[in-house]
Protein backbone atom coordinates (compact mmCIF):
# COMPACT_ATOMS: atom_id res chain seq x y z
CA UNK A 1 -0.24 -0.07 0.03
CA UNK A 2 1.30 3.52 -0.87
CA UNK A 3 2.42 5.75 1.98
CA UNK A 4 -0.08 8.58 3.33
CA UNK A 5 0.22 11.97 2.09
CA UNK A 6 -0.34 14.55 3.98
CA UNK A 7 -1.24 17.87 3.19
CA UNK A 8 -2.50 20.74 4.85
CA UNK A 9 -4.73 23.41 2.65
CA UNK A 10 -5.23 27.00 4.01
CA UNK A 11 -8.54 28.36 2.33
CA UNK A 12 -11.66 26.18 1.41
CA UNK A 13 -12.60 28.02 -1.73
CA UNK A 14 -13.72 26.48 -5.06
CA UNK A 15 -10.78 24.76 -5.99
CA UNK A 16 -9.96 23.55 -2.68
CA UNK A 17 -13.32 21.56 -2.07
CA UNK A 18 -13.01 19.68 -5.40
CA UNK A 19 -9.72 18.83 -4.60
CA UNK A 20 -10.41 17.31 -0.98
CA UNK A 21 -13.46 15.74 -2.09
CA UNK A 22 -11.54 14.20 -5.14
CA UNK A 23 -9.14 13.00 -2.29
CA UNK A 24 -10.96 11.73 0.11
CA UNK A 25 -9.53 8.20 0.27
CA UNK A 26 -7.18 5.79 2.63
CA UNK A 27 -4.07 7.51 0.74
CA UNK A 28 -4.26 11.01 1.80
CA UNK A 29 -4.19 12.78 5.18
CA UNK A 30 -5.77 15.78 4.40
CA UNK A 31 -5.50 19.07 7.17
CA UNK A 32 -7.70 21.95 6.52
CA UNK A 33 -7.53 25.79 8.08
CA UNK A 34 -10.26 28.04 7.34
CA UNK A 35 -11.88 31.35 8.77
CA UNK A 36 -15.45 29.57 7.87
CA UNK A 37 -16.80 27.98 11.12
CA UNK A 38 -19.37 26.11 8.84
CA UNK A 39 -16.80 24.67 6.57
CA UNK A 40 -15.08 23.56 9.68
CA UNK A 41 -18.50 21.84 11.14
CA UNK A 42 -19.68 19.96 7.43
CA UNK A 43 -15.38 19.10 6.91
CA UNK A 44 -15.55 17.48 10.28
CA UNK A 45 -18.87 15.59 9.93
CA UNK A 46 -17.06 13.76 6.94
CA UNK A 47 -14.25 13.18 9.01
CA UNK A 48 -12.09 15.73 7.37
CA UNK A 49 -9.79 17.51 9.72
CA UNK A 50 -10.35 21.28 9.74
CA UNK A 51 -8.88 23.72 12.12
CA UNK A 52 -9.86 27.54 12.52
CA UNK A 53 -7.63 30.06 11.63
CA UNK A 54 -7.41 31.42 15.20
CA UNK A 55 -5.88 28.04 16.50
CA UNK A 56 -2.15 29.10 16.18
CA UNK A 57 -1.39 26.02 18.12
CA UNK A 58 -3.23 23.12 15.79
CA UNK A 59 -2.01 24.55 12.62
CA UNK A 60 1.43 24.51 14.13
CA UNK A 61 0.86 20.79 14.53
CA UNK A 62 -0.64 20.17 11.32
CA UNK A 63 2.28 22.34 9.49
CA UNK A 64 4.26 20.02 11.27
CA UNK A 65 2.87 16.75 10.10
CA UNK A 66 2.91 17.92 6.41
CA UNK A 67 4.40 16.67 3.51
CA UNK A 68 2.82 19.51 1.36
CA UNK A 69 1.30 22.62 2.07
CA UNK A 70 -1.28 24.32 -0.55
CA UNK A 71 -1.95 27.67 -0.63
CA UNK A 72 -5.26 28.72 -1.69
CA UNK A 73 -5.89 32.00 0.23
CA UNK A 74 -5.61 35.28 -2.14
CA UNK A 75 -4.06 37.91 -1.05
CA UNK A 76 -5.55 41.10 0.99
CA UNK A 77 -3.71 43.89 -0.77
CA UNK A 78 -0.25 43.32 -0.80
CA UNK A 79 -0.56 40.95 2.39
CA UNK A 80 -0.95 37.11 1.99
CA UNK A 81 -2.72 36.67 4.81
CA UNK A 82 -0.90 32.59 5.45
CA UNK A 83 2.73 34.43 5.68
CA UNK A 84 1.63 36.98 7.62
CA UNK A 85 -0.34 34.70 10.07
CA UNK A 86 2.22 31.66 10.25
CA UNK A 87 5.39 32.33 8.67
CA UNK A 88 7.29 31.45 12.10
CA UNK A 89 5.48 28.13 12.46
CA UNK A 90 6.79 26.78 8.51
CA UNK A 91 10.40 26.50 10.18
CA UNK A 92 8.62 23.56 11.66
CA UNK A 93 7.93 21.60 7.75
CA UNK A 94 9.54 18.39 7.44
CA UNK A 95 12.65 18.14 5.18
CA UNK A 96 11.25 17.27 2.60
CA UNK A 97 7.87 18.94 2.25
CA UNK A 98 6.72 21.18 -0.68
CA UNK A 99 4.59 24.23 -1.10
CA UNK A 100 2.51 24.69 -3.51
CA UNK A 101 1.21 28.22 -4.04
CA UNK A 102 -1.94 28.71 -6.53
CA UNK A 103 -1.58 32.09 -8.44
CA UNK A 104 -3.02 33.61 -11.59
CA UNK A 105 -1.96 34.49 -15.18
CA UNK A 106 -3.28 37.94 -14.42
CA UNK A 107 0.62 38.80 -13.46
CA UNK A 108 1.22 38.58 -17.33
CA UNK A 109 -0.61 41.79 -17.79
CA UNK A 110 -1.96 42.72 -20.94
CA UNK A 111 0.06 41.25 -24.00
CA UNK A 112 -2.76 42.57 -26.98
CA UNK A 113 -4.03 39.10 -27.78
CA UNK A 114 -0.48 37.81 -28.28
CA UNK A 115 1.07 34.16 -26.23
CA UNK A 116 2.64 34.32 -23.07
CA UNK A 117 4.52 31.48 -21.42
CA UNK A 118 6.68 31.34 -17.92
CA UNK A 119 9.41 33.30 -19.39
CA UNK A 120 7.40 35.91 -20.70
CA UNK A 121 7.61 39.94 -19.28
CA UNK A 122 5.23 40.34 -16.64
CA UNK A 123 3.41 43.51 -16.52
CA UNK A 124 0.41 43.47 -14.38
CA UNK A 125 -1.96 46.45 -14.61
CA UNK A 126 -5.00 45.32 -12.52
CA UNK A 127 -4.85 45.30 -8.85
CA UNK A 128 -5.31 41.68 -8.78
CA UNK A 129 -2.64 41.58 -10.75
CA UNK A 130 0.06 43.24 -9.26
CA UNK A 131 -0.84 41.43 -5.85
CA UNK A 132 -0.66 38.01 -7.30
CA UNK A 133 3.03 38.86 -8.50
CA UNK A 134 3.95 40.50 -5.41
CA UNK A 135 3.08 37.69 -3.56
CA UNK A 136 4.35 34.88 -6.07
CA UNK A 137 7.75 37.07 -4.63
CA UNK A 138 6.95 37.05 -1.64
CA UNK A 139 6.43 33.11 -1.21
CA UNK A 140 9.65 32.71 -3.85
CA UNK A 141 12.26 34.46 -1.12
CA UNK A 142 10.14 32.66 1.59
CA UNK A 143 10.81 29.05 0.25
CA UNK A 144 14.40 29.69 -0.50
CA UNK A 145 15.07 31.14 2.88
CA UNK A 146 13.68 27.82 4.31
CA UNK A 147 15.41 25.51 1.76
CA UNK A 148 11.76 24.37 0.34
CA UNK A 149 10.71 23.23 -2.97
CA UNK A 150 7.92 25.68 -4.43
CA UNK A 151 5.37 25.30 -7.39
CA UNK A 152 3.74 28.63 -8.43
CA UNK A 153 0.61 27.30 -10.35
CA UNK A 154 -0.91 29.96 -12.50
CA UNK A 155 -4.12 29.15 -12.79
CA UNK A 156 -6.29 30.72 -16.35
CA UNK A 157 -10.02 31.91 -15.67
CA UNK A 158 -11.29 28.92 -13.60
CA UNK A 159 -14.40 27.20 -14.37
CA UNK A 160 -16.47 24.21 -13.88
CA UNK A 161 -19.56 22.65 -12.02
CA UNK A 162 -21.40 25.69 -10.29
CA UNK A 163 -19.18 28.54 -12.09
CA UNK A 164 -19.74 28.42 -15.41
CA UNK A 165 -21.73 30.37 -18.35
CA UNK A 166 -24.07 27.38 -17.98
CA UNK A 167 -25.26 28.27 -14.41
CA UNK A 168 -25.25 31.81 -16.08
CA UNK A 169 -27.79 30.55 -18.05
CA UNK A 170 -30.23 29.09 -16.05
CA UNK A 171 -30.37 31.96 -13.60
CA UNK A 172 -30.89 33.87 -16.89
CA UNK A 173 -28.05 35.78 -15.96
CA UNK A 174 -26.18 35.36 -18.99
CA UNK A 175 -24.86 38.15 -21.58
CA UNK A 176 -22.01 38.36 -24.50
CA UNK A 177 -19.86 41.53 -23.69
CA UNK A 178 -19.16 43.35 -26.97
CA UNK A 179 -15.16 42.80 -26.80
CA UNK A 180 -14.49 39.57 -29.42
CA UNK A 181 -10.84 41.14 -29.63
CA UNK A 182 -10.33 40.21 -25.82
CA UNK A 183 -8.93 36.48 -26.12
CA UNK A 184 -8.82 34.60 -22.32
CA UNK A 185 -7.27 31.34 -21.61
CA UNK A 186 -9.33 29.24 -19.14
CA UNK A 187 -9.09 26.19 -16.82
CA UNK A 188 -11.62 23.60 -15.94
CA UNK A 189 -11.44 22.53 -12.15
CA UNK A 190 -11.17 18.86 -13.10
CA UNK A 191 -7.43 19.35 -14.44
CA UNK A 192 -6.68 21.68 -11.84
CA UNK A 193 -7.46 18.95 -9.57
CA UNK A 194 -5.32 16.34 -11.19
CA UNK A 195 -2.07 18.89 -11.52
CA UNK A 196 -2.48 19.75 -7.97
CA UNK A 197 -2.61 15.97 -7.15
CA UNK A 198 0.80 15.50 -9.41
CA UNK A 199 2.61 18.22 -7.82
CA UNK A 200 1.98 16.32 -4.49
CA UNK A 201 3.34 12.93 -6.37
CA UNK A 202 6.15 14.26 -8.45
CA UNK A 203 9.46 14.78 -6.75
CA UNK A 204 11.16 16.54 -10.05
CA UNK A 205 8.79 19.29 -10.25
CA UNK A 206 9.10 22.67 -8.99
CA UNK A 207 8.95 26.59 -10.33
CA UNK A 208 6.06 28.16 -12.32
CA UNK A 209 3.76 26.66 -14.31
CA UNK A 210 0.79 28.25 -16.18
CA UNK A 211 -2.38 25.81 -16.11
CA UNK A 212 -4.89 26.58 -18.70
CA UNK A 213 -6.55 24.70 -21.64
CA UNK A 214 -5.51 24.54 -25.39
CA UNK A 215 -7.88 26.91 -26.40
CA UNK A 216 -8.20 30.96 -25.54
CA UNK A 217 -11.09 32.45 -26.60
CA UNK A 218 -13.69 35.76 -26.06
CA UNK A 219 -16.09 35.42 -23.57
CA UNK A 220 -18.62 35.34 -26.16
CA UNK A 221 -17.40 32.67 -28.23
CA UNK A 222 -17.60 30.93 -24.89
CA UNK A 223 -21.04 31.88 -24.46
CA UNK A 224 -22.22 30.88 -27.88
CA UNK A 225 -21.08 27.66 -26.87
CA UNK A 226 -22.74 27.59 -23.84
CA UNK A 227 -26.15 28.73 -25.29
CA UNK A 228 -25.73 25.77 -27.79
CA UNK A 229 -25.46 22.92 -25.48
CA UNK A 230 -28.50 24.56 -23.25
CA UNK A 231 -30.49 25.23 -26.25
CA UNK A 232 -31.30 28.59 -26.42
CA UNK A 233 -30.83 31.65 -28.21
CA UNK A 234 -27.29 33.30 -27.74
CA UNK A 235 -27.86 36.91 -26.45
CA UNK A 236 -27.18 40.14 -27.93
CA UNK A 237 -23.50 41.54 -27.09
CA UNK A 238 -23.85 44.29 -24.81
CA UNK A 239 -21.45 47.47 -24.32
CA UNK A 240 -19.28 47.30 -21.07
CA UNK A 241 -20.42 50.73 -20.37
CA UNK A 242 -24.14 49.38 -20.17
CA UNK A 243 -22.81 46.42 -17.69
CA UNK A 244 -22.43 48.09 -14.43
CA UNK A 245 -19.56 45.99 -14.20
CA UNK A 246 -17.12 45.76 -10.68
CA UNK A 247 -14.02 46.81 -11.26
CA UNK A 248 -12.30 43.55 -11.33
CA UNK A 249 -14.61 42.49 -13.95
CA UNK A 250 -13.65 45.93 -15.65
CA UNK A 251 -9.97 44.85 -15.09
CA UNK A 252 -10.64 41.41 -16.67
CA UNK A 253 -11.43 42.70 -19.70
CA UNK A 254 -8.68 45.78 -20.06
CA UNK A 255 -6.35 42.58 -21.09
CA UNK A 256 -5.81 39.98 -23.62
CA UNK A 257 -3.43 37.48 -24.11
CA UNK A 258 -3.55 33.52 -24.95
CA UNK A 259 -1.40 31.39 -22.34
CA UNK A 260 0.87 28.88 -23.43
CA UNK A 261 0.52 25.57 -21.39
CA UNK A 262 3.58 23.36 -23.02
CA UNK A 263 6.07 23.96 -20.24
CA UNK A 264 3.50 22.08 -18.09
CA UNK A 265 2.19 19.40 -20.26
CA UNK A 266 5.73 18.62 -20.95
CA UNK A 267 6.91 18.09 -17.29
CA UNK A 268 4.68 16.85 -15.90
CA UNK A 269 3.81 14.49 -18.94
CA UNK A 270 0.14 15.51 -18.63
CA UNK A 271 -2.56 15.14 -20.66
CA UNK A 272 -5.79 17.65 -20.34
CA UNK A 273 -9.07 16.25 -19.35
CA UNK A 274 -10.64 19.36 -20.84
CA UNK A 275 -8.33 20.54 -23.44
CA UNK A 276 -10.85 23.19 -24.55
CA UNK A 277 -14.41 24.81 -23.52
CA UNK A 278 -16.27 22.60 -25.53
CA UNK A 279 -15.18 19.69 -23.83
CA UNK A 280 -15.35 21.31 -20.57
CA UNK A 281 -19.03 23.21 -21.11
CA UNK A 282 -20.14 19.61 -22.61
CA UNK A 283 -18.85 17.86 -19.10
CA UNK A 284 -20.77 20.30 -17.17
CA UNK A 285 -24.42 20.04 -18.94
CA UNK A 286 -23.72 16.19 -18.69
CA UNK A 287 -22.79 16.20 -14.71
CA UNK A 288 -26.14 18.85 -14.32
CA UNK A 289 -28.37 16.51 -16.39
CA UNK A 290 -27.88 13.33 -13.93
CA UNK A 291 -28.14 15.20 -10.78
CA UNK A 292 -31.11 16.27 -12.08
CA UNK A 293 -32.31 12.28 -12.52
């Protein structure tokens, strides 16, 4: 039988939830640190160890046990909450333990629709991108000082069940932003989960990786496919001014790039579960159909 892998996860959002429910077997020991009391209650019921952010002693205990620390907590301004709160405890990490940081392809900024890879210039202009880049550098220096392996995964736009154009259509809240020239890369949650597992299992992987599918596209193209699958008419494109978008969403539409995933595919020997949004959206529709039965 394989040795138990011990993973400590800071934060319990969309990615962490999907990962935990796919790992919940005998080969993994999972510890979660969260600020949400309800999360702790529901995880405990499922037999998963969860501690509150304020339980410094508990967190320290799990840092000592963990082979891998997965950081899913976004920066707050130019502060990384995990590093701010628990950095002193990280010196208790085991010799061979590694750190995985979930970042964002927002660190590249605008590349006018051109391809970017891990060696491309980083010139973020949005608050989100600037904070992510700052935090990546914090963890790089911190891991170097601790002599720990660090893997930074730059995630493209995350989508999956509960978080896709399909749900927007179901709620009647879908629209197409009339900016067909703005290209985005995206990644299905199933592939994120598999890559995190591989990060834990592989000892020869470190550094920075883009995680996205093979088919960058405009928001409109993706919505057209969602409408086709959903069996409804495509909404008419609407100008950004009419939509009353948040500052974060406006920032999203201020940058255009196609993100390259070749380094990750090669180093991980990975084949995408959902190589494009056609496959990813279809899986979401099928899953929703099955859960209705």
